[in-house]
């Protein structure tokens, strides 16, 4: 299943969840 991560308040702001990119963004 594809997970989505919200990057804003609108449904259109949902992006496919990429664990690697998520972790990279945390440490950016």
PDB file of N, CA and C in Angstrom:
ATOM      1  N   UNK A   1       0.837  -1.212   0.000  1.00  0.00           N
ATOM      2  CA  UNK A   1       0.000   0.000   0.000  1.00  0.00           C
ATOM      3  C   UNK A   1       0.866   1.253   0.000  1.00  0.00           C
ATOM      4  N   UNK A   2       0.402   2.248  -0.688  1.00  0.00           N
ATOM      5  CA  UNK A   2       1.132   3.515  -0.737  1.00  0.00           C
ATOM      6  C   UNK A   2       0.658   4.387   0.410  1.00  0.00           C
ATOM      7  N   UNK A   3       1.577   4.909   1.161  1.00  0.00           N
ATOM      8  CA  UNK A   3       1.228   5.813   2.262  1.00  0.00           C
ATOM      9  C   UNK A   3       1.424   7.245   1.778  1.00  0.00           C
ATOM     10  N   UNK A   4       0.651   8.137   2.364  1.00  0.00           N
ATOM     11  CA  UNK A   4       0.758   9.535   1.978  1.00  0.00           C
ATOM     12  C   UNK A   4       1.132  10.374   3.192  1.00  0.00           C
ATOM     13  N   UNK A   5       1.919  11.395   2.925  1.00  0.00           N
ATOM     14  CA  UNK A   5       2.320  12.300   3.995  1.00  0.00           C
ATOM     15  C   UNK A   5       1.793  13.687   3.639  1.00  0.00           C
ATOM     16  N   UNK A   6       1.182  14.334   4.609  1.00  0.00           N
ATOM     17  CA  UNK A   6       0.626  15.659   4.361  1.00  0.00           C
ATOM     18  C   UNK A   6       1.696  16.723   4.504  1.00  0.00           C
ATOM     19  N   UNK A   7       1.822  17.572   3.487  1.00  0.00           N
ATOM     20  CA  UNK A   7       2.802  18.646   3.552  1.00  0.00           C
ATOM     21  C   UNK A   7       2.097  19.995   3.617  1.00  0.00           C
ATOM     22  N   UNK A   8       0.777  19.962   3.755  1.00  0.00           N
ATOM     23  CA  UNK A   8       0.000  21.191   3.816  1.00  0.00           C
ATOM     24  C   UNK A   8      -1.375  20.888   4.378  1.00  0.00           C
ATOM     25  N   UNK A   9      -2.300  21.830   4.205  1.00  0.00           N
ATOM     26  CA  UNK A   9      -3.622  21.673   4.799  1.00  0.00           C
ATOM     27  C   UNK A   9      -4.632  21.120   3.807  1.00  0.00           C
ATOM     28  N   UNK A  10      -4.291  21.115   2.522  1.00  0.00           N
ATOM     29  CA  UNK A  10      -5.244  20.681   1.505  1.00  0.00           C
ATOM     30  C   UNK A  10      -4.968  19.241   1.103  1.00  0.00           C
ATOM     31  N   UNK A  11      -6.002  18.570   0.602  1.00  0.00           N
ATOM     32  CA  UNK A  11      -5.836  17.190   0.155  1.00  0.00           C
ATOM     33  C   UNK A  11      -4.810  17.130  -0.972  1.00  0.00           C
ATOM     34  N   UNK A  12      -4.718  18.181  -1.772  1.00  0.00           N
ATOM     35  CA  UNK A  12      -3.775  18.226  -2.876  1.00  0.00           C
ATOM     36  C   UNK A  12      -2.329  18.307  -2.413  1.00  0.00           C
ATOM     37  N   UNK A  13      -2.143  18.564  -1.110  1.00  0.00           N
ATOM     38  CA  UNK A  13      -0.790  18.655  -0.580  1.00  0.00           C
ATOM     39  C   UNK A  13      -0.257  17.305  -0.124  1.00  0.00           C
ATOM     40  N   UNK A  14      -1.073  16.256  -0.288  1.00  0.00           N
ATOM     41  CA  UNK A  14      -0.604  14.928   0.089  1.00  0.00           C
ATOM     42  C   UNK A  14       0.360  14.413  -0.968  1.00  0.00           C
ATOM     43  N   UNK A  15       1.473  13.873  -0.507  1.00  0.00           N
ATOM     44  CA  UNK A  15       2.462  13.320  -1.425  1.00  0.00           C
ATOM     45  C   UNK A  15       2.668  11.850  -1.094  1.00  0.00           C
ATOM     46  N   UNK A  16       2.999  11.043  -2.094  1.00  0.00           N
ATOM     47  CA  UNK A  16       3.351   9.651  -1.800  1.00  0.00           C
ATOM     48  C   UNK A  16       4.492   9.636  -0.786  1.00  0.00           C
ATOM     49  N   UNK A  17       4.362   8.810   0.233  1.00  0.00           N
ATOM     50  CA  UNK A  17       5.354   8.795   1.307  1.00  0.00           C
ATOM     51  C   UNK A  17       6.580   8.005   0.899  1.00  0.00           C
ATOM     52  N   UNK A  18       7.718   8.703   0.883  1.00  0.00           N
ATOM     53  CA  UNK A  18       8.996   8.063   0.567  1.00  0.00           C
ATOM     54  C   UNK A  18       9.839   8.106   1.842  1.00  0.00           C
ATOM     55  N   UNK A  19      10.001   6.959   2.502  1.00  0.00           N
ATOM     56  CA  UNK A  19      10.732   6.966   3.784  1.00  0.00           C
ATOM     57  C   UNK A  19      12.109   7.598   3.695  1.00  0.00           C
ATOM     58  N   UNK A  20      12.843   7.327   2.614  1.00  0.00           N
ATOM     59  CA  UNK A  20      14.193   7.879   2.510  1.00  0.00           C
ATOM     60  C   UNK A  20      14.145   9.399   2.417  1.00  0.00           C
ATOM     61  N   UNK A  21      13.269   9.929   1.566  1.00  0.00           N
ATOM     62  CA  UNK A  21      13.187  11.378   1.429  1.00  0.00           C
ATOM     63  C   UNK A  21      12.708  12.011   2.730  1.00  0.00           C
ATOM     64  N   UNK A  22      11.796  11.315   3.426  1.00  0.00           N
ATOM     65  CA  UNK A  22      11.297  11.834   4.695  1.00  0.00           C
ATOM     66  C   UNK A  22      12.438  11.965   5.701  1.00  0.00           C
ATOM     67  N   UNK A  23      13.257  10.927   5.800  1.00  0.00           N
ATOM     68  CA  UNK A  23      14.382  10.958   6.731  1.00  0.00           C
ATOM     69  C   UNK A  23      15.386  12.017   6.309  1.00  0.00           C
ATOM     70  N   UNK A  24      15.648  12.102   5.009  1.00  0.00           N
ATOM     71  CA  UNK A  24      16.592  13.112   4.528  1.00  0.00           C
ATOM     72  C   UNK A  24      16.096  14.508   4.877  1.00  0.00           C
ATOM     73  N   UNK A  25      14.783  14.739   4.773  1.00  0.00           N
ATOM     74  CA  UNK A  25      14.253  16.068   5.049  1.00  0.00           C
ATOM     75  C   UNK A  25      14.360  16.397   6.538  1.00  0.00           C
ATOM     76  N   UNK A  26      14.284  15.376   7.383  1.00  0.00           N
ATOM     77  CA  UNK A  26      14.399  15.622   8.818  1.00  0.00           C
ATOM     78  C   UNK A  26      15.791  16.121   9.180  1.00  0.00           C
ATOM     79  N   UNK A  27      16.798  15.644   8.455  1.00  0.00           N
ATOM     80  CA  UNK A  27      18.169  15.991   8.784  1.00  0.00           C
ATOM     81  C   UNK A  27      18.754  17.033   7.837  1.00  0.00           C
ATOM     82  N   UNK A  28      17.907  17.596   6.994  1.00  0.00           N
ATOM     83  CA  UNK A  28      18.386  18.595   6.037  1.00  0.00           C
ATOM     84  C   UNK A  28      18.703  19.904   6.765  1.00  0.00           C
TER      85      UNK A  28
END
